Amino acid sequence: LAGCNKSNTSGLPMNTPTSESNSAV
């Protein structure tokens, strides 16, 4: 991968964690 600013082209899930708490406020 090119660097920290590279966009997601690898197909890896970045909403990987299933925890509903991640979007809770």
PDB file of all heavy atoms in Angstrom:
ATOM      1  N   LEU A   1       0.837  -1.192   0.000  1.00  0.00           N
ATOM      2  CA  LEU A   1       0.000   0.000   0.000  1.00  0.00           C
ATOM      3  C   LEU A   1       0.866   1.233   0.000  1.00  0.00           C
ATOM      4  O   LEU A   1       1.935   1.255   0.594  1.00  0.00           O
ATOM      5  CB  LEU A   1      -0.890  -0.029   1.250  1.00  0.00           C
ATOM      6  CG  LEU A   1      -1.773  -1.271   1.233  1.00  0.00           C
ATOM      7  CD1 LEU A   1      -2.382  -1.487   2.585  1.00  0.00           C
ATOM      8  CD2 LEU A   1      -2.835  -1.129   0.183  1.00  0.00           C
ATOM      9  N   ALA A   2       0.370   2.278  -0.619  1.00  0.00           N
ATOM     10  CA  ALA A   2       1.204   3.455  -0.855  1.00  0.00           C
ATOM     11  C   ALA A   2       1.471   4.246   0.401  1.00  0.00           C
ATOM     12  O   ALA A   2       2.551   4.741   0.601  1.00  0.00           O
ATOM     13  CB  ALA A   2       0.545   4.362  -1.894  1.00  0.00           C
ATOM     14  N   GLY A   3       0.481   4.424   1.276  1.00  0.00           N
ATOM     15  CA  GLY A   3       0.738   5.254   2.454  1.00  0.00           C
ATOM     16  C   GLY A   3      -0.528   5.515   3.201  1.00  0.00           C
ATOM     17  O   GLY A   3      -1.575   5.004   2.874  1.00  0.00           O
ATOM     18  N   CYS A   4      -0.431   6.321   4.230  1.00  0.00           N
ATOM     19  CA  CYS A   4      -1.554   6.544   5.124  1.00  0.00           C
ATOM     20  C   CYS A   4      -2.737   7.171   4.430  1.00  0.00           C
ATOM     21  O   CYS A   4      -3.843   7.062   4.918  1.00  0.00           O
ATOM     22  CB  CYS A   4      -1.117   7.418   6.300  1.00  0.00           C
ATOM     23  SG  CYS A   4      -0.607   6.427   7.701  1.00  0.00           S
ATOM     24  N   ASN A   5      -2.561   7.846   3.347  1.00  0.00           N
ATOM     25  CA  ASN A   5      -3.673   8.508   2.690  1.00  0.00           C
ATOM     26  C   ASN A   5      -4.305   7.658   1.606  1.00  0.00           C
ATOM     27  O   ASN A   5      -5.182   8.105   0.894  1.00  0.00           O
ATOM     28  CB  ASN A   5      -3.207   9.837   2.082  1.00  0.00           C
ATOM     29  CG  ASN A   5      -2.851  10.828   3.162  1.00  0.00           C
ATOM     30  OD1 ASN A   5      -3.475  10.831   4.216  1.00  0.00           O
ATOM     31  ND2 ASN A   5      -1.847  11.636   2.921  1.00  0.00           N
ATOM     32  N   LYS A   6      -3.864   6.402   1.485  1.00  0.00           N
ATOM     33  CA  LYS A   6      -4.423   5.559   0.455  1.00  0.00           C
ATOM     34  C   LYS A   6      -5.856   5.214   0.788  1.00  0.00           C
ATOM     35  O   LYS A   6      -6.178   4.893   1.912  1.00  0.00           O
ATOM     36  CB  LYS A   6      -3.594   4.270   0.331  1.00  0.00           C
ATOM     37  CG  LYS A   6      -4.180   3.336  -0.689  1.00  0.00           C
ATOM     38  CD  LYS A   6      -3.244   2.184  -0.979  1.00  0.00           C
ATOM     39  CE  LYS A   6      -3.862   1.259  -1.987  1.00  0.00           C
ATOM     40  NZ  LYS A   6      -2.959   0.180  -2.349  1.00  0.00           N
ATOM     41  N   SER A   7      -6.732   5.232  -0.200  1.00  0.00           N
ATOM     42  CA  SER A   7      -8.122   4.860   0.016  1.00  0.00           C
ATOM     43  C   SER A   7      -8.237   3.352   0.019  1.00  0.00           C
ATOM     44  O   SER A   7      -7.325   2.641  -0.357  1.00  0.00           O
ATOM     45  CB  SER A   7      -8.997   5.445  -1.098  1.00  0.00           C
ATOM     46  OG  SER A   7      -8.585   4.939  -2.344  1.00  0.00           O
ATOM     47  N   ASN A   8      -9.397   2.860   0.426  1.00  0.00           N
ATOM     48  CA  ASN A   8      -9.592   1.419   0.541  1.00  0.00           C
ATOM     49  C   ASN A   8      -9.851   0.794  -0.814  1.00  0.00           C
ATOM     50  O   ASN A   8     -10.917   0.912  -1.371  1.00  0.00           O
ATOM     51  CB  ASN A   8     -10.785   1.157   1.483  1.00  0.00           C
ATOM     52  CG  ASN A   8     -11.046  -0.330   1.611  1.00  0.00           C
ATOM     53  OD1 ASN A   8     -10.206  -1.140   1.265  1.00  0.00           O
ATOM     54  ND2 ASN A   8     -12.221  -0.665   2.128  1.00  0.00           N
ATOM     55  N   THR A   9      -8.839   0.100  -1.317  1.00  0.00           N
ATOM     56  CA  THR A   9      -9.015  -0.626  -2.568  1.00  0.00           C
ATOM     57  C   THR A   9      -8.786  -2.110  -2.365  1.00  0.00           C
ATOM     58  O   THR A   9      -8.775  -2.886  -3.312  1.00  0.00           O
ATOM     59  CB  THR A   9      -8.017  -0.116  -3.626  1.00  0.00           C
ATOM     60  OG1 THR A   9      -6.688  -0.292  -3.121  1.00  0.00           O
ATOM     61  CG2 THR A   9      -8.268   1.343  -3.946  1.00  0.00           C
ATOM     62  N   SER A  10      -8.562  -2.524  -1.145  1.00  0.00           N
ATOM     63  CA  SER A  10      -8.213  -3.910  -0.890  1.00  0.00           C
ATOM     64  C   SER A  10      -9.419  -4.793  -0.647  1.00  0.00           C
ATOM     65  O   SER A  10      -9.298  -5.999  -0.549  1.00  0.00           O
ATOM     66  CB  SER A  10      -7.297  -3.997   0.341  1.00  0.00           C
ATOM     67  OG  SER A  10      -7.992  -3.574   1.477  1.00  0.00           O
ATOM     68  N   GLY A  11     -10.599  -4.200  -0.502  1.00  0.00           N
ATOM     69  CA  GLY A  11     -11.789  -4.982  -0.222  1.00  0.00           C
ATOM     70  C   GLY A  11     -11.910  -5.380   1.234  1.00  0.00           C
ATOM     71  O   GLY A  11     -12.775  -6.158   1.598  1.00  0.00           O
ATOM     72  N   LEU A  12     -11.046  -4.880   2.108  1.00  0.00           N
ATOM     73  CA  LEU A  12     -11.106  -5.218   3.515  1.00  0.00           C
ATOM     74  C   LEU A  12     -12.187  -4.391   4.188  1.00  0.00           C
ATOM     75  O   LEU A  12     -12.286  -3.205   3.951  1.00  0.00           O
ATOM     76  CB  LEU A  12      -9.754  -4.924   4.180  1.00  0.00           C
ATOM     77  CG  LEU A  12      -8.601  -5.681   3.563  1.00  0.00           C
ATOM     78  CD1 LEU A  12      -7.292  -5.175   4.124  1.00  0.00           C
ATOM     79  CD2 LEU A  12      -8.749  -7.161   3.828  1.00  0.00           C
ATOM     80  N   PRO A  13     -12.998  -5.011   5.026  1.00  0.00           N
ATOM     81  CA  PRO A  13     -14.122  -4.291   5.613  1.00  0.00           C
ATOM     82  C   PRO A  13     -13.690  -3.345   6.703  1.00  0.00           C
ATOM     83  O   PRO A  13     -13.091  -3.747   7.672  1.00  0.00           O
ATOM     84  CB  PRO A  13     -14.989  -5.422   6.185  1.00  0.00           C
ATOM     85  CG  PRO A  13     -14.039  -6.533   6.436  1.00  0.00           C
ATOM     86  CD  PRO A  13     -12.929  -6.397   5.433  1.00  0.00           C
ATOM     87  N   MET A  14     -13.989  -2.065   6.554  1.00  0.00           N
ATOM     88  CA  MET A  14     -13.678  -1.153   7.620  1.00  0.00           C
ATOM     89  C   MET A  14     -14.856  -0.921   8.534  1.00  0.00           C
ATOM     90  O   MET A  14     -14.745  -0.281   9.547  1.00  0.00           O
ATOM     91  CB  MET A  14     -13.176   0.190   7.065  1.00  0.00           C
ATOM     92  CG  MET A  14     -11.674   0.223   6.964  1.00  0.00           C
ATOM     93  SD  MET A  14     -10.860  -0.186   8.520  1.00  0.00           S
ATOM     94  CE  MET A  14     -10.492  -1.895   8.302  1.00  0.00           C
ATOM     95  N   ASN A  15     -16.007  -1.443   8.183  1.00  0.00           N
ATOM     96  CA  ASN A  15     -17.087  -1.521   9.147  1.00  0.00           C
ATOM     97  C   ASN A  15     -17.075  -2.926   9.709  1.00  0.00           C
ATOM     98  O   ASN A  15     -18.090  -3.497  10.049  1.00  0.00           O
ATOM     99  CB  ASN A  15     -18.434  -1.214   8.499  1.00  0.00           C
ATOM    100  CG  ASN A  15     -18.678  -2.075   7.287  1.00  0.00           C
ATOM    101  OD1 ASN A  15     -17.761  -2.716   6.789  1.00  0.00           O
ATOM    102  ND2 ASN A  15     -19.905  -2.095   6.793  1.00  0.00           N
ATOM    103  N   THR A  16     -15.863  -3.501   9.818  1.00  0.00           N
ATOM    104  CA  THR A  16     -15.685  -4.878  10.243  1.00  0.00           C
ATOM    105  C   THR A  16     -16.295  -5.199  11.598  1.00  0.00           C
ATOM    106  O   THR A  16     -16.945  -6.212  11.733  1.00  0.00           O
ATOM    107  CB  THR A  16     -14.192  -5.215  10.270  1.00  0.00           C
ATOM    108  OG1 THR A  16     -13.487  -4.120  10.805  1.00  0.00           O
ATOM    109  CG2 THR A  16     -13.678  -5.504   8.892  1.00  0.00           C
ATOM    110  N   PRO A  17     -16.058  -4.387  12.658  1.00  0.00           N
ATOM    111  CA  PRO A  17     -16.641  -4.765  13.932  1.00  0.00           C
ATOM    112  C   PRO A  17     -18.154  -4.731  13.837  1.00  0.00           C
ATOM    113  O   PRO A  17     -18.721  -3.818  13.249  1.00  0.00           O
ATOM    114  CB  PRO A  17     -16.121  -3.697  14.896  1.00  0.00           C
ATOM    115  CG  PRO A  17     -14.965  -3.085  14.196  1.00  0.00           C
ATOM    116  CD  PRO A  17     -15.285  -3.170  12.741  1.00  0.00           C
ATOM    117  N   THR A  18     -18.790  -5.714  14.418  1.00  0.00           N
ATOM    118  CA  THR A  18     -20.244  -5.789  14.319  1.00  0.00           C
ATOM    119  C   THR A  18     -20.925  -5.057  15.465  1.00  0.00           C
ATOM    120  O   THR A  18     -22.138  -4.951  15.482  1.00  0.00           O
ATOM    121  CB  THR A  18     -20.694  -7.254  14.348  1.00  0.00           C
ATOM    122  OG1 THR A  18     -20.216  -7.864  15.542  1.00  0.00           O
ATOM    123  CG2 THR A  18     -20.150  -8.004  13.148  1.00  0.00           C
ATOM    124  N   SER A  19     -20.158  -4.565  16.423  1.00  0.00           N
ATOM    125  CA  SER A  19     -20.753  -3.993  17.620  1.00  0.00           C
ATOM    126  C   SER A  19     -21.625  -2.786  17.302  1.00  0.00           C
ATOM    127  O   SER A  19     -21.165  -1.794  16.766  1.00  0.00           O
ATOM    128  CB  SER A  19     -19.649  -3.581  18.596  1.00  0.00           C
ATOM    129  OG  SER A  19     -20.204  -2.896  19.686  1.00  0.00           O
ATOM    130  N   GLU A  20     -22.890  -2.876  17.693  1.00  0.00           N
ATOM    131  CA  GLU A  20     -23.794  -1.756  17.470  1.00  0.00           C
ATOM    132  C   GLU A  20     -23.407  -0.572  18.315  1.00  0.00           C
ATOM    133  O   GLU A  20     -23.800   0.550  18.058  1.00  0.00           O
ATOM    134  CB  GLU A  20     -25.240  -2.164  17.777  1.00  0.00           C
ATOM    135  CG  GLU A  20     -25.544  -2.358  19.248  1.00  0.00           C
ATOM    136  CD  GLU A  20     -25.265  -3.766  19.734  1.00  0.00           C
ATOM    137  OE1 GLU A  20     -24.491  -4.483  19.093  1.00  0.00           O
ATOM    138  OE2 GLU A  20     -25.854  -4.161  20.765  1.00  0.00           O
ATOM    139  N   SER A  21     -22.574  -0.801  19.346  1.00  0.00           N
ATOM    140  CA  SER A  21     -22.165   0.297  20.201  1.00  0.00           C
ATOM    141  C   SER A  21     -21.308   1.298  19.453  1.00  0.00           C
ATOM    142  O   SER A  21     -21.165   2.437  19.881  1.00  0.00           O
ATOM    143  CB  SER A  21     -21.383  -0.245  21.407  1.00  0.00           C
ATOM    144  OG  SER A  21     -20.152  -0.794  20.990  1.00  0.00           O
ATOM    145  N   ASN A  22     -20.711   0.912  18.356  1.00  0.00           N
ATOM    146  CA  ASN A  22     -19.828   1.810  17.633  1.00  0.00           C
ATOM    147  C   ASN A  22     -20.549   3.021  17.074  1.00  0.00           C
ATOM    148  O   ASN A  22     -19.944   4.046  16.816  1.00  0.00           O
ATOM    149  CB  ASN A  22     -19.148   1.064  16.483  1.00  0.00           C
ATOM    150  CG  ASN A  22     -18.148   0.066  17.006  1.00  0.00           C
ATOM    151  OD1 ASN A  22     -17.755   0.138  18.157  1.00  0.00           O
ATOM    152  ND2 ASN A  22     -17.749  -0.860  16.168  1.00  0.00           N
ATOM    153  N   SER A  23     -21.849   2.897  16.853  1.00  0.00           N
ATOM    154  CA  SER A  23     -22.588   4.023  16.303  1.00  0.00           C
ATOM    155  C   SER A  23     -23.536   4.636  17.328  1.00  0.00           C
ATOM    156  O   SER A  23     -24.323   5.495  17.012  1.00  0.00           O
ATOM    157  CB  SER A  23     -23.390   3.570  15.071  1.00  0.00           C
ATOM    158  OG  SER A  23     -24.282   2.544  15.435  1.00  0.00           O
ATOM    159  N   ALA A  24     -23.429   4.180  18.556  1.00  0.00           N
ATOM    160  CA  ALA A  24     -24.343   4.673  19.578  1.00  0.00           C
ATOM    161  C   ALA A  24     -23.819   5.955  20.191  1.00  0.00           C
ATOM    162  O   ALA A  24     -22.627   6.125  20.417  1.00  0.00           O
ATOM    163  CB  ALA A  24     -24.527   3.622  20.676  1.00  0.00           C
ATOM    164  N   VAL A  25     -24.711   6.858  20.476  1.00  0.00           N
ATOM    165  CA  VAL A  25     -24.350   8.079  21.186  1.00  0.00           C
ATOM    166  C   VAL A  25     -25.321   8.221  22.352  1.00  0.00           C
ATOM    167  O   VAL A  25     -26.510   8.370  22.158  1.00  0.00           O
ATOM    168  CB  VAL A  25     -24.448   9.319  20.270  1.00  0.00           C
ATOM    169  CG1 VAL A  25     -24.098  10.570  21.059  1.00  0.00           C
ATOM    170  CG2 VAL A  25     -23.552   9.170  19.056  1.00  0.00           C
TER     171      VAL A  25
END
